[in-house]
Amino acid sequence: MPLAFSTRRDFLFVAVCALFAATPAYAEKAPAGKVSVEELMAPDALPDVVEGSANAPVTIVEYASMTCSHCAAFHRDVYPELKKNYIDTGKVKFILREFPLDPLATAAFMLARQLGDKRDAAVDLLFSQQKNWAFADKPLDGLANVLKQTGIGQEKFEAVLKDQALYDNVNKVRNRAAEKLGVNSTPTFFVNGDKYTGEMTVADLDQIIASKTAAK
């Protein structure tokens, strides 16, 4: 009996070791689908704000909502590494597009759009201070207070939120993404047309970008 037990134990140990040996140290995040680059990059109701070289071999498009906590985590924890390692080195072109999940997120995007080429800086600011406005007792007051750092005063704040054309265009961007690209949650990323949903880590991006550049 002791010999039989030892044999079973040894077999189990070998099987477990084989399982770990066969499992890669890091599995690449699998795409949830694919769209044509032509459809992805077709003109929209609002012009893209592009970060990085126009000739970068990899294009990342993110659809985000300003009130989405996962989007905020990406811009706080992952985006700085993406910018340093890939955008600033000419390897990636990055575009953030509006996909508001609620009226408050729509308002935040409208206000950020009014800052022109400083829109993305405003987006980063709003994500970094999301808890101070998106989840405040008086979220519009919180939003106004945060955006004072960008030079938007109360009069401008109220005027932007009454801009019906801008409101409509933000929602047109969202609706086109839903209808043409199948976006139904945030964050959603497209990397050279491949669709990825949910959390995106630095390691995920490293693997995905490496696979895209290797395919060139």
N, C-alpha and C. Protein backbone atom coordinates (compact mmCIF):
# COMPACT_ATOMS: atom_id res chain seq x y z
N MET A 1 0.82 -1.23 0.00
CA MET A 1 0.00 0.00 0.00
C MET A 1 0.85 1.27 0.00
N PRO A 2 1.87 1.40 0.86
CA PRO A 2 2.69 2.61 0.83
C PRO A 2 3.30 2.86 -0.54
N LEU A 3 3.69 1.79 -1.22
CA LEU A 3 4.30 1.95 -2.53
C LEU A 3 3.28 2.51 -3.52
N ALA A 4 2.03 2.01 -3.46
CA ALA A 4 0.99 2.48 -4.37
C ALA A 4 0.69 3.96 -4.12
N PHE A 5 0.65 4.36 -2.84
CA PHE A 5 0.38 5.76 -2.51
C PHE A 5 1.49 6.65 -3.06
N SER A 6 2.71 6.19 -2.87
CA SER A 6 3.86 6.97 -3.35
C SER A 6 3.81 7.13 -4.86
N THR A 7 3.40 6.07 -5.55
CA THR A 7 3.33 6.12 -7.01
C THR A 7 2.28 7.13 -7.46
N ARG A 8 1.12 7.12 -6.81
CA ARG A 8 0.07 8.07 -7.17
C ARG A 8 0.51 9.50 -6.90
N ARG A 9 1.20 9.69 -5.76
CA ARG A 9 1.67 11.03 -5.41
C ARG A 9 2.69 11.52 -6.42
N ASP A 10 3.61 10.63 -6.80
CA ASP A 10 4.62 11.01 -7.78
C ASP A 10 3.97 11.34 -9.13
N PHE A 11 2.97 10.56 -9.50
CA PHE A 11 2.28 10.80 -10.77
C PHE A 11 1.60 12.17 -10.75
N LEU A 12 0.95 12.48 -9.61
CA LEU A 12 0.28 13.77 -9.48
C LEU A 12 1.29 14.91 -9.57
N PHE A 13 2.42 14.76 -8.92
CA PHE A 13 3.45 15.80 -8.94
C PHE A 13 3.95 16.04 -10.36
N VAL A 14 4.19 14.95 -11.09
CA VAL A 14 4.66 15.07 -12.47
C VAL A 14 3.60 15.73 -13.34
N ALA A 15 2.34 15.37 -13.13
CA ALA A 15 1.26 15.93 -13.94
C ALA A 15 1.12 17.43 -13.71
N VAL A 16 1.21 17.84 -12.44
CA VAL A 16 1.11 19.27 -12.13
C VAL A 16 2.28 20.03 -12.73
N CYS A 17 3.48 19.48 -12.63
CA CYS A 17 4.65 20.13 -13.21
C CYS A 17 4.50 20.27 -14.72
N ALA A 18 3.96 19.25 -15.35
CA ALA A 18 3.77 19.29 -16.80
C ALA A 18 2.75 20.35 -17.18
N LEU A 19 1.72 20.50 -16.36
CA LEU A 19 0.70 21.50 -16.63
C LEU A 19 1.29 22.90 -16.60
N PHE A 20 2.10 23.18 -15.57
CA PHE A 20 2.71 24.50 -15.47
C PHE A 20 3.73 24.72 -16.57
N ALA A 21 4.43 23.68 -16.97
CA ALA A 21 5.41 23.81 -18.04
C ALA A 21 4.74 24.11 -19.36
N ALA A 22 3.52 23.60 -19.54
CA ALA A 22 2.81 23.79 -20.80
C ALA A 22 2.07 25.11 -20.86
N THR A 23 1.94 25.79 -19.70
CA THR A 23 1.21 27.06 -19.65
C THR A 23 2.17 28.21 -19.83
N PRO A 24 1.95 29.09 -20.79
CA PRO A 24 2.86 30.21 -20.98
C PRO A 24 2.84 31.14 -19.78
N ALA A 25 3.95 31.84 -19.55
CA ALA A 25 4.06 32.74 -18.41
C ALA A 25 3.01 33.84 -18.50
N TYR A 26 2.69 34.28 -19.71
CA TYR A 26 1.66 35.31 -19.88
C TYR A 26 0.92 35.06 -21.18
N ALA A 27 -0.39 34.90 -21.07
CA ALA A 27 -1.20 34.64 -22.26
C ALA A 27 -1.66 35.97 -22.85
N GLU A 28 -1.46 36.13 -24.15
CA GLU A 28 -1.86 37.37 -24.81
C GLU A 28 -3.37 37.53 -24.75
N LYS A 29 -3.81 38.74 -24.47
CA LYS A 29 -5.25 39.05 -24.43
C LYS A 29 -5.83 38.81 -25.81
N ALA A 30 -6.90 38.03 -25.87
CA ALA A 30 -7.48 37.67 -27.17
C ALA A 30 -8.47 38.73 -27.63
N PRO A 31 -8.46 39.06 -28.91
CA PRO A 31 -9.43 40.04 -29.42
C PRO A 31 -10.84 39.49 -29.38
N ALA A 32 -11.80 40.39 -29.16
CA ALA A 32 -13.21 40.00 -29.11
C ALA A 32 -13.88 40.11 -30.47
N GLY A 33 -13.13 40.56 -31.46
CA GLY A 33 -13.67 40.73 -32.80
C GLY A 33 -12.73 41.57 -33.63
N LYS A 34 -13.17 41.92 -34.83
CA LYS A 34 -12.33 42.72 -35.72
C LYS A 34 -13.23 43.55 -36.63
N VAL A 35 -12.79 44.78 -36.91
CA VAL A 35 -13.48 45.64 -37.87
C VAL A 35 -12.46 46.10 -38.89
N SER A 36 -12.94 46.54 -40.04
CA SER A 36 -12.01 47.03 -41.05
C SER A 36 -11.43 48.36 -40.60
N VAL A 37 -10.17 48.57 -40.91
CA VAL A 37 -9.52 49.83 -40.55
C VAL A 37 -10.20 50.99 -41.26
N GLU A 38 -10.68 50.75 -42.47
CA GLU A 38 -11.37 51.81 -43.22
C GLU A 38 -12.63 52.26 -42.48
N GLU A 39 -13.40 51.31 -41.97
CA GLU A 39 -14.62 51.65 -41.22
C GLU A 39 -14.25 52.34 -39.91
N LEU A 40 -13.23 51.82 -39.24
CA LEU A 40 -12.81 52.38 -37.96
C LEU A 40 -12.37 53.84 -38.10
N MET A 41 -11.66 54.14 -39.18
CA MET A 41 -11.08 55.47 -39.34
C MET A 41 -11.91 56.39 -40.23
N ALA A 42 -13.12 55.98 -40.58
CA ALA A 42 -13.99 56.82 -41.41
C ALA A 42 -14.32 58.12 -40.67
N PRO A 43 -14.52 59.22 -41.39
CA PRO A 43 -14.85 60.49 -40.75
C PRO A 43 -16.09 60.37 -39.86
N ASP A 44 -16.04 61.07 -38.73
CA ASP A 44 -17.13 60.99 -37.76
C ASP A 44 -17.69 62.38 -37.50
N ALA A 45 -18.67 62.45 -36.61
CA ALA A 45 -19.32 63.73 -36.33
C ALA A 45 -18.38 64.73 -35.67
N LEU A 46 -17.37 64.23 -34.98
CA LEU A 46 -16.35 65.08 -34.37
C LEU A 46 -14.98 64.64 -34.87
N PRO A 47 -14.07 65.57 -35.12
CA PRO A 47 -12.74 65.19 -35.60
C PRO A 47 -11.95 64.46 -34.52
N ASP A 48 -11.12 63.52 -34.94
CA ASP A 48 -10.26 62.82 -33.99
C ASP A 48 -9.19 63.76 -33.44
N VAL A 49 -8.87 63.57 -32.17
CA VAL A 49 -7.70 64.21 -31.57
C VAL A 49 -6.63 63.13 -31.50
N VAL A 50 -5.60 63.28 -32.32
CA VAL A 50 -4.61 62.22 -32.52
C VAL A 50 -3.35 62.52 -31.72
N GLU A 51 -2.88 61.53 -30.99
CA GLU A 51 -1.60 61.64 -30.29
C GLU A 51 -0.62 60.68 -30.95
N GLY A 52 0.57 61.18 -31.27
CA GLY A 52 1.58 60.33 -31.88
C GLY A 52 1.76 60.61 -33.35
N SER A 53 2.69 59.87 -33.94
CA SER A 53 3.04 60.06 -35.34
C SER A 53 1.95 59.53 -36.26
N ALA A 54 1.65 60.30 -37.31
CA ALA A 54 0.67 59.85 -38.30
C ALA A 54 1.14 58.60 -39.01
N ASN A 55 2.46 58.36 -39.01
CA ASN A 55 3.03 57.20 -39.71
C ASN A 55 3.30 56.03 -38.78
N ALA A 56 2.82 56.08 -37.55
CA ALA A 56 3.05 54.98 -36.61
C ALA A 56 2.45 53.69 -37.16
N PRO A 57 3.15 52.55 -36.98
CA PRO A 57 2.65 51.29 -37.53
C PRO A 57 1.44 50.72 -36.80
N VAL A 58 1.18 51.20 -35.59
CA VAL A 58 0.05 50.70 -34.80
C VAL A 58 -0.87 51.86 -34.44
N THR A 59 -2.16 51.67 -34.69
CA THR A 59 -3.17 52.66 -34.32
C THR A 59 -4.07 52.07 -33.24
N ILE A 60 -4.16 52.75 -32.11
CA ILE A 60 -5.05 52.34 -31.03
C ILE A 60 -6.16 53.37 -30.90
N VAL A 61 -7.39 52.90 -31.00
CA VAL A 61 -8.56 53.76 -30.78
C VAL A 61 -9.26 53.25 -29.52
N GLU A 62 -9.44 54.14 -28.56
CA GLU A 62 -10.15 53.79 -27.34
C GLU A 62 -11.50 54.50 -27.31
N TYR A 63 -12.56 53.74 -27.04
CA TYR A 63 -13.86 54.32 -26.75
C TYR A 63 -14.05 54.28 -25.23
N ALA A 64 -14.25 55.46 -24.65
CA ALA A 64 -14.31 55.57 -23.20
C ALA A 64 -15.50 56.41 -22.76
N SER A 65 -15.86 56.25 -21.50
CA SER A 65 -16.85 57.11 -20.86
C SER A 65 -16.17 57.81 -19.69
N MET A 66 -16.42 59.10 -19.54
CA MET A 66 -15.74 59.85 -18.49
C MET A 66 -16.13 59.42 -17.09
N THR A 67 -17.25 58.74 -16.93
CA THR A 67 -17.69 58.27 -15.62
C THR A 67 -17.37 56.80 -15.38
N CYS A 68 -16.63 56.19 -16.29
CA CYS A 68 -16.27 54.77 -16.20
C CYS A 68 -15.01 54.62 -15.34
N SER A 69 -15.11 53.87 -14.24
CA SER A 69 -13.97 53.72 -13.34
C SER A 69 -12.85 52.91 -13.98
N HIS A 70 -13.19 51.94 -14.84
CA HIS A 70 -12.15 51.17 -15.53
C HIS A 70 -11.39 52.04 -16.52
N CYS A 71 -12.09 52.96 -17.16
CA CYS A 71 -11.43 53.91 -18.07
C CYS A 71 -10.47 54.80 -17.29
N ALA A 72 -10.92 55.27 -16.13
CA ALA A 72 -10.07 56.11 -15.30
C ALA A 72 -8.83 55.36 -14.85
N ALA A 73 -8.99 54.09 -14.49
CA ALA A 73 -7.84 53.29 -14.07
C ALA A 73 -6.84 53.12 -15.22
N PHE A 74 -7.35 52.92 -16.44
CA PHE A 74 -6.46 52.80 -17.60
C PHE A 74 -5.66 54.07 -17.79
N HIS A 75 -6.33 55.21 -17.74
CA HIS A 75 -5.62 56.48 -17.99
C HIS A 75 -4.69 56.85 -16.84
N ARG A 76 -4.98 56.37 -15.66
CA ARG A 76 -4.11 56.64 -14.51
C ARG A 76 -2.90 55.71 -14.47
N ASP A 77 -3.13 54.42 -14.71
CA ASP A 77 -2.09 53.43 -14.46
C ASP A 77 -1.37 52.91 -15.71
N VAL A 78 -2.07 52.92 -16.84
CA VAL A 78 -1.53 52.28 -18.04
C VAL A 78 -1.12 53.30 -19.11
N TYR A 79 -1.96 54.29 -19.31
CA TYR A 79 -1.70 55.25 -20.39
C TYR A 79 -0.34 55.92 -20.28
N PRO A 80 0.13 56.33 -19.09
CA PRO A 80 1.47 56.95 -19.03
C PRO A 80 2.57 56.07 -19.60
N GLU A 81 2.49 54.75 -19.37
CA GLU A 81 3.49 53.83 -19.93
C GLU A 81 3.32 53.69 -21.44
N LEU A 82 2.06 53.65 -21.89
CA LEU A 82 1.80 53.60 -23.33
C LEU A 82 2.39 54.83 -24.02
N LYS A 83 2.19 55.98 -23.43
CA LYS A 83 2.70 57.23 -24.03
C LYS A 83 4.22 57.23 -24.06
N LYS A 84 4.83 56.89 -22.94
CA LYS A 84 6.29 56.94 -22.84
C LYS A 84 6.96 55.93 -23.77
N ASN A 85 6.45 54.71 -23.79
CA ASN A 85 7.13 53.63 -24.51
C ASN A 85 6.75 53.52 -25.98
N TYR A 86 5.56 53.99 -26.34
CA TYR A 86 5.08 53.74 -27.70
C TYR A 86 4.63 55.00 -28.45
N ILE A 87 3.86 55.86 -27.81
CA ILE A 87 3.38 57.05 -28.52
C ILE A 87 4.53 58.02 -28.77
N ASP A 88 5.29 58.33 -27.73
CA ASP A 88 6.38 59.30 -27.87
C ASP A 88 7.55 58.78 -28.69
N THR A 89 7.60 57.47 -28.91
CA THR A 89 8.70 56.88 -29.70
C THR A 89 8.29 56.60 -31.14
N GLY A 90 7.07 57.01 -31.52
CA GLY A 90 6.64 56.86 -32.90
C GLY A 90 6.10 55.50 -33.27
N LYS A 91 5.87 54.64 -32.28
CA LYS A 91 5.40 53.28 -32.58
C LYS A 91 3.87 53.17 -32.59
N VAL A 92 3.20 54.08 -31.89
CA VAL A 92 1.74 54.00 -31.76
C VAL A 92 1.12 55.38 -31.97
N LYS A 93 0.01 55.37 -32.69
CA LYS A 93 -0.86 56.53 -32.82
C LYS A 93 -2.10 56.24 -31.97
N PHE A 94 -2.44 57.15 -31.06
CA PHE A 94 -3.53 56.90 -30.11
C PHE A 94 -4.65 57.91 -30.30
N ILE A 95 -5.87 57.40 -30.31
CA ILE A 95 -7.06 58.24 -30.47
C ILE A 95 -8.09 57.84 -29.41
N LEU A 96 -8.55 58.81 -28.64
CA LEU A 96 -9.63 58.56 -27.69
C LEU A 96 -10.92 59.14 -28.27
N ARG A 97 -11.96 58.32 -28.28
CA ARG A 97 -13.26 58.77 -28.79
C ARG A 97 -14.33 58.68 -27.70
N GLU A 98 -15.32 59.52 -27.86
CA GLU A 98 -16.39 59.64 -26.88
C GLU A 98 -17.39 58.49 -26.97
N PHE A 99 -17.63 57.85 -25.82
CA PHE A 99 -18.70 56.86 -25.72
C PHE A 99 -19.36 57.03 -24.35
N PRO A 100 -20.03 58.17 -24.14
CA PRO A 100 -20.61 58.44 -22.82
C PRO A 100 -21.71 57.46 -22.46
N LEU A 101 -21.66 56.98 -21.23
CA LEU A 101 -22.66 56.03 -20.75
C LEU A 101 -23.81 56.71 -20.01
N ASP A 102 -23.70 58.01 -19.78
CA ASP A 102 -24.73 58.74 -19.05
C ASP A 102 -24.60 60.22 -19.37
N PRO A 103 -25.61 61.03 -19.02
CA PRO A 103 -25.57 62.46 -19.34
C PRO A 103 -24.39 63.20 -18.73
N LEU A 104 -23.95 62.78 -17.53
CA LEU A 104 -22.82 63.44 -16.90
C LEU A 104 -21.54 63.24 -17.71
N ALA A 105 -21.34 62.03 -18.21
CA ALA A 105 -20.18 61.76 -19.06
C ALA A 105 -20.25 62.57 -20.35
N THR A 106 -21.45 62.71 -20.89
CA THR A 106 -21.63 63.55 -22.09
C THR A 106 -21.21 64.98 -21.80
N ALA A 107 -21.65 65.51 -20.67
CA ALA A 107 -21.29 66.87 -20.29
C ALA A 107 -19.78 67.03 -20.17
N ALA A 108 -19.12 66.07 -19.55
CA ALA A 108 -17.67 66.14 -19.37
C ALA A 108 -16.96 66.15 -20.72
N PHE A 109 -17.41 65.30 -21.64
CA PHE A 109 -16.80 65.28 -22.97
C PHE A 109 -17.04 66.59 -23.71
N MET A 110 -18.23 67.15 -23.60
CA MET A 110 -18.53 68.42 -24.25
C MET A 110 -17.57 69.51 -23.77
N LEU A 111 -17.36 69.57 -22.48
CA LEU A 111 -16.49 70.59 -21.91
C LEU A 111 -15.04 70.37 -22.33
N ALA A 112 -14.60 69.12 -22.35
CA ALA A 112 -13.23 68.84 -22.78
C ALA A 112 -13.02 69.22 -24.24
N ARG A 113 -14.02 68.99 -25.07
CA ARG A 113 -13.92 69.33 -26.50
C ARG A 113 -13.71 70.83 -26.72
N GLN A 114 -14.23 71.64 -25.82
CA GLN A 114 -14.10 73.08 -25.97
C GLN A 114 -12.67 73.57 -25.79
N LEU A 115 -11.80 72.70 -25.32
CA LEU A 115 -10.41 73.10 -25.08
C LEU A 115 -9.51 72.82 -26.27
N GLY A 116 -10.10 72.39 -27.39
CA GLY A 116 -9.32 72.20 -28.61
C GLY A 116 -8.21 71.18 -28.45
N ASP A 117 -6.96 71.60 -28.75
CA ASP A 117 -5.85 70.66 -28.70
C ASP A 117 -5.45 70.30 -27.26
N LYS A 118 -6.12 70.92 -26.29
CA LYS A 118 -5.88 70.57 -24.88
C LYS A 118 -6.94 69.59 -24.37
N ARG A 119 -7.74 69.07 -25.30
CA ARG A 119 -8.81 68.16 -24.88
C ARG A 119 -8.27 66.97 -24.11
N ASP A 120 -7.24 66.31 -24.63
CA ASP A 120 -6.75 65.10 -23.99
C ASP A 120 -6.16 65.38 -22.62
N ALA A 121 -5.54 66.55 -22.45
CA ALA A 121 -5.04 66.93 -21.13
C ALA A 121 -6.20 67.10 -20.16
N ALA A 122 -7.31 67.66 -20.64
CA ALA A 122 -8.50 67.81 -19.80
C ALA A 122 -9.09 66.45 -19.46
N VAL A 123 -9.09 65.54 -20.43
CA VAL A 123 -9.60 64.19 -20.19
C VAL A 123 -8.77 63.50 -19.11
N ASP A 124 -7.44 63.61 -19.20
CA ASP A 124 -6.58 63.01 -18.19
C ASP A 124 -6.85 63.61 -16.81
N LEU A 125 -7.04 64.92 -16.77
CA LEU A 125 -7.34 65.59 -15.51
C LEU A 125 -8.65 65.08 -14.93
N LEU A 126 -9.67 64.98 -15.76
CA LEU A 126 -10.98 64.52 -15.29
C LEU A 126 -10.93 63.07 -14.82
N PHE A 127 -10.17 62.24 -15.52
CA PHE A 127 -10.04 60.85 -15.07
C PHE A 127 -9.28 60.78 -13.74
N SER A 128 -8.23 61.57 -13.61
CA SER A 128 -7.42 61.51 -12.39
C SER A 128 -8.19 61.99 -11.18
N GLN A 129 -9.16 62.89 -11.39
CA GLN A 129 -9.96 63.41 -10.28
C GLN A 129 -11.42 62.95 -10.37
N GLN A 130 -11.63 61.81 -11.00
CA GLN A 130 -12.99 61.34 -11.25
C GLN A 130 -13.84 61.26 -9.98
N LYS A 131 -13.25 60.79 -8.90
CA LYS A 131 -14.03 60.63 -7.66
C LYS A 131 -14.49 61.97 -7.10
N ASN A 132 -13.82 63.07 -7.48
CA ASN A 132 -14.17 64.39 -6.95
C ASN A 132 -15.35 65.04 -7.66
N TRP A 133 -15.75 64.44 -8.80
CA TRP A 133 -16.91 65.03 -9.50
C TRP A 133 -17.93 63.97 -9.90
N ALA A 134 -17.48 62.86 -10.49
CA ALA A 134 -18.43 61.87 -11.01
C ALA A 134 -19.24 61.20 -9.91
N PHE A 135 -18.65 61.08 -8.73
CA PHE A 135 -19.33 60.39 -7.63
C PHE A 135 -19.61 61.33 -6.46
N ALA A 136 -19.58 62.63 -6.75
CA ALA A 136 -19.86 63.63 -5.72
C ALA A 136 -21.37 63.79 -5.53
N ASP A 137 -21.77 64.37 -4.40
CA ASP A 137 -23.19 64.61 -4.14
C ASP A 137 -23.78 65.57 -5.18
N LYS A 138 -22.97 66.54 -5.61
CA LYS A 138 -23.38 67.50 -6.64
C LYS A 138 -22.36 67.42 -7.78
N PRO A 139 -22.53 66.42 -8.67
CA PRO A 139 -21.50 66.15 -9.68
C PRO A 139 -21.22 67.31 -10.63
N LEU A 140 -22.23 68.08 -11.01
CA LEU A 140 -21.97 69.21 -11.92
C LEU A 140 -21.13 70.28 -11.24
N ASP A 141 -21.38 70.51 -9.96
CA ASP A 141 -20.55 71.46 -9.22
C ASP A 141 -19.12 70.94 -9.13
N GLY A 142 -18.98 69.65 -8.89
CA GLY A 142 -17.64 69.06 -8.84
C GLY A 142 -16.93 69.16 -10.17
N LEU A 143 -17.67 68.91 -11.25
CA LEU A 143 -17.10 69.01 -12.60
C LEU A 143 -16.63 70.43 -12.88
N ALA A 144 -17.45 71.41 -12.51
CA ALA A 144 -17.07 72.81 -12.72
C ALA A 144 -15.82 73.17 -11.93
N ASN A 145 -15.72 72.67 -10.71
CA ASN A 145 -14.56 72.98 -9.87
C ASN A 145 -13.28 72.39 -10.45
N VAL A 146 -13.35 71.16 -10.92
CA VAL A 146 -12.16 70.53 -11.51
C VAL A 146 -11.73 71.28 -12.76
N LEU A 147 -12.68 71.65 -13.59
CA LEU A 147 -12.35 72.28 -14.88
C LEU A 147 -11.91 73.73 -14.74
N LYS A 148 -12.05 74.31 -13.56
CA LYS A 148 -11.48 75.64 -13.35
C LYS A 148 -9.97 75.62 -13.55
N GLN A 149 -9.37 74.44 -13.32
CA GLN A 149 -7.92 74.31 -13.51
C GLN A 149 -7.52 74.46 -14.97
N THR A 150 -8.47 74.29 -15.88
CA THR A 150 -8.19 74.42 -17.32
C THR A 150 -8.54 75.81 -17.85
N GLY A 151 -9.09 76.65 -16.99
CA GLY A 151 -9.48 77.99 -17.43
C GLY A 151 -10.94 78.14 -17.79
N ILE A 152 -11.73 77.08 -17.64
CA ILE A 152 -13.16 77.16 -17.92
C ILE A 152 -13.88 77.73 -16.70
N GLY A 153 -14.39 78.95 -16.84
CA GLY A 153 -15.14 79.57 -15.75
C GLY A 153 -16.60 79.18 -15.79
N GLN A 154 -17.37 79.67 -14.83
CA GLN A 154 -18.76 79.27 -14.70
C GLN A 154 -19.59 79.68 -15.91
N GLU A 155 -19.35 80.87 -16.43
CA GLU A 155 -20.12 81.34 -17.59
C GLU A 155 -19.88 80.44 -18.80
N LYS A 156 -18.61 80.13 -19.05
CA LYS A 156 -18.26 79.24 -20.17
C LYS A 156 -18.83 77.85 -19.93
N PHE A 157 -18.73 77.38 -18.71
CA PHE A 157 -19.24 76.06 -18.33
C PHE A 157 -20.71 75.93 -18.70
N GLU A 158 -21.50 76.90 -18.32
CA GLU A 158 -22.94 76.85 -18.58
C GLU A 158 -23.25 76.99 -20.06
N ALA A 159 -22.47 77.81 -20.76
CA ALA A 159 -22.71 78.00 -22.20
C ALA A 159 -22.44 76.72 -22.98
N VAL A 160 -21.38 76.02 -22.62
CA VAL A 160 -21.03 74.78 -23.32
C VAL A 160 -22.14 73.74 -23.14
N LEU A 161 -22.66 73.64 -21.95
CA LEU A 161 -23.69 72.63 -21.68
C LEU A 161 -25.02 72.94 -22.37
N LYS A 162 -25.15 74.16 -22.90
CA LYS A 162 -26.34 74.52 -23.67
C LYS A 162 -26.12 74.40 -25.18
N ASP A 163 -24.94 73.93 -25.57
CA ASP A 163 -24.60 73.82 -27.00
C ASP A 163 -25.23 72.55 -27.57
N GLN A 164 -26.39 72.69 -28.18
CA GLN A 164 -27.13 71.53 -28.68
C GLN A 164 -26.37 70.80 -29.78
N ALA A 165 -25.71 71.55 -30.66
CA ALA A 165 -24.98 70.92 -31.77
C ALA A 165 -23.84 70.05 -31.24
N LEU A 166 -23.12 70.54 -30.26
CA LEU A 166 -22.02 69.76 -29.67
C LEU A 166 -22.57 68.53 -28.96
N TYR A 167 -23.65 68.71 -28.23
CA TYR A 167 -24.31 67.58 -27.55
C TYR A 167 -24.69 66.50 -28.57
N ASP A 168 -25.30 66.92 -29.66
CA ASP A 168 -25.71 65.97 -30.70
C ASP A 168 -24.51 65.25 -31.30
N ASN A 169 -23.42 65.98 -31.54
CA ASN A 169 -22.26 65.37 -32.18
C ASN A 169 -21.55 64.37 -31.28
N VAL A 170 -21.48 64.66 -29.99
CA VAL A 170 -20.90 63.69 -29.05
C VAL A 170 -21.71 62.40 -29.09
N ASN A 171 -23.01 62.52 -29.12
CA ASN A 171 -23.86 61.33 -29.15
C ASN A 171 -23.84 60.63 -30.51
N LYS A 172 -23.59 61.38 -31.57
CA LYS A 172 -23.43 60.75 -32.89
C LYS A 172 -22.19 59.86 -32.92
N VAL A 173 -21.11 60.32 -32.30
CA VAL A 173 -19.89 59.51 -32.21
C VAL A 173 -20.20 58.21 -31.47
N ARG A 174 -20.92 58.33 -30.36
CA ARG A 174 -21.29 57.15 -29.58
C ARG A 174 -22.17 56.21 -30.40
N ASN A 175 -23.17 56.75 -31.05
CA ASN A 175 -24.12 55.92 -31.78
C ASN A 175 -23.46 55.21 -32.96
N ARG A 176 -22.57 55.89 -33.64
CA ARG A 176 -21.87 55.25 -34.76
C ARG A 176 -21.01 54.09 -34.26
N ALA A 177 -20.34 54.31 -33.13
CA ALA A 177 -19.52 53.24 -32.56
C ALA A 177 -20.36 52.02 -32.21
N ALA A 178 -21.54 52.26 -31.67
CA ALA A 178 -22.42 51.16 -31.30
C ALA A 178 -22.96 50.43 -32.53
N GLU A 179 -23.37 51.21 -33.53
CA GLU A 179 -24.04 50.62 -34.70
C GLU A 179 -23.07 50.03 -35.72
N LYS A 180 -21.95 50.70 -35.94
CA LYS A 180 -21.02 50.28 -36.99
C LYS A 180 -19.86 49.43 -36.49
N LEU A 181 -19.48 49.64 -35.22
CA LEU A 181 -18.28 48.96 -34.71
C LEU A 181 -18.60 47.97 -33.60
N GLY A 182 -19.86 47.90 -33.18
CA GLY A 182 -20.25 46.93 -32.16
C GLY A 182 -19.79 47.26 -30.76
N VAL A 183 -19.54 48.53 -30.48
CA VAL A 183 -19.13 48.92 -29.13
C VAL A 183 -20.36 48.95 -28.23
N ASN A 184 -20.27 48.26 -27.08
CA ASN A 184 -21.41 48.27 -26.15
C ASN A 184 -20.97 48.39 -24.69
N SER A 185 -19.69 48.67 -24.48
CA SER A 185 -19.19 48.83 -23.11
C SER A 185 -17.90 49.64 -23.16
N THR A 186 -17.48 50.10 -22.00
CA THR A 186 -16.23 50.85 -21.93
C THR A 186 -15.34 50.27 -20.83
N PRO A 187 -14.03 50.34 -21.02
CA PRO A 187 -13.39 50.79 -22.26
C PRO A 187 -13.40 49.71 -23.33
N THR A 188 -13.46 50.14 -24.58
CA THR A 188 -13.28 49.25 -25.72
C THR A 188 -12.13 49.81 -26.55
N PHE A 189 -11.19 48.94 -26.91
CA PHE A 189 -10.02 49.34 -27.68
C PHE A 189 -10.02 48.64 -29.03
N PHE A 190 -9.58 49.36 -30.05
CA PHE A 190 -9.30 48.77 -31.35
C PHE A 190 -7.82 48.98 -31.65
N VAL A 191 -7.12 47.89 -31.90
CA VAL A 191 -5.69 47.96 -32.22
C VAL A 191 -5.52 47.44 -33.64
N ASN A 192 -5.26 48.36 -34.56
CA ASN A 192 -5.22 48.02 -35.99
C ASN A 192 -6.45 47.22 -36.42
N GLY A 193 -7.59 47.59 -35.84
CA GLY A 193 -8.86 46.96 -36.21
C GLY A 193 -9.30 45.83 -35.31
N ASP A 194 -8.37 45.23 -34.55
CA ASP A 194 -8.76 44.17 -33.62
C ASP A 194 -9.40 44.78 -32.37
N LYS A 195 -10.50 44.19 -31.94
CA LYS A 195 -11.30 44.76 -30.85
C LYS A 195 -10.99 44.06 -29.53
N TYR A 196 -10.75 44.86 -28.50
CA TYR A 196 -10.49 44.35 -27.15
C TYR A 196 -11.40 45.10 -26.18
N THR A 197 -12.02 44.37 -25.28
CA THR A 197 -12.94 45.00 -24.33
C THR A 197 -12.47 44.81 -22.90
N GLY A 198 -12.83 45.76 -22.05
CA GLY A 198 -12.54 45.63 -20.64
C GLY A 198 -11.14 46.08 -20.26
N GLU A 199 -10.71 45.61 -19.12
CA GLU A 199 -9.42 46.02 -18.57
C GLU A 199 -8.27 45.74 -19.54
N MET A 200 -7.37 46.70 -19.64
CA MET A 200 -6.17 46.55 -20.48
C MET A 200 -4.97 46.91 -19.62
N THR A 201 -4.05 45.97 -19.44
CA THR A 201 -2.87 46.21 -18.61
C THR A 201 -1.68 46.61 -19.49
N VAL A 202 -0.61 47.04 -18.84
CA VAL A 202 0.62 47.34 -19.56
C VAL A 202 1.14 46.09 -20.26
N ALA A 203 1.08 44.96 -19.56
CA ALA A 203 1.54 43.70 -20.16
C ALA A 203 0.70 43.32 -21.37
N ASP A 204 -0.62 43.53 -21.28
CA ASP A 204 -1.49 43.27 -22.44
C ASP A 204 -1.04 44.09 -23.64
N LEU A 205 -0.84 45.38 -23.43
CA LEU A 205 -0.45 46.26 -24.53
C LEU A 205 0.91 45.88 -25.10
N ASP A 206 1.84 45.53 -24.23
CA ASP A 206 3.16 45.11 -24.71
C ASP A 206 3.04 43.93 -25.67
N GLN A 207 2.24 42.95 -25.29
CA GLN A 207 2.06 41.75 -26.11
C GLN A 207 1.34 42.07 -27.41
N ILE A 208 0.28 42.85 -27.32
CA ILE A 208 -0.51 43.16 -28.52
C ILE A 208 0.29 44.00 -29.51
N ILE A 209 0.95 45.02 -29.01
CA ILE A 209 1.73 45.89 -29.90
C ILE A 209 2.88 45.12 -30.53
N ALA A 210 3.52 44.26 -29.75
CA ALA A 210 4.61 43.44 -30.30
C ALA A 210 4.12 42.56 -31.43
N SER A 211 2.93 41.98 -31.26
CA SER A 211 2.39 41.10 -32.31
C SER A 211 2.05 41.90 -33.57
N LYS A 212 1.58 43.13 -33.40
CA LYS A 212 1.23 43.95 -34.56
C LYS A 212 2.47 44.42 -35.31
N THR A 213 3.50 44.81 -34.58
CA THR A 213 4.71 45.28 -35.25
C THR A 213 5.47 44.12 -35.90
N ALA A 214 5.37 42.94 -35.29
CA ALA A 214 6.04 41.77 -35.88
C ALA A 214 5.38 41.37 -37.19
N ALA A 215 4.09 41.67 -37.31
CA ALA A 215 3.34 41.28 -38.51
C ALA A 215 3.58 42.22 -39.68
N LYS A 216 4.22 43.35 -39.41
CA LYS A 216 4.44 44.34 -40.47
C LYS A 216 5.50 43.86 -41.46
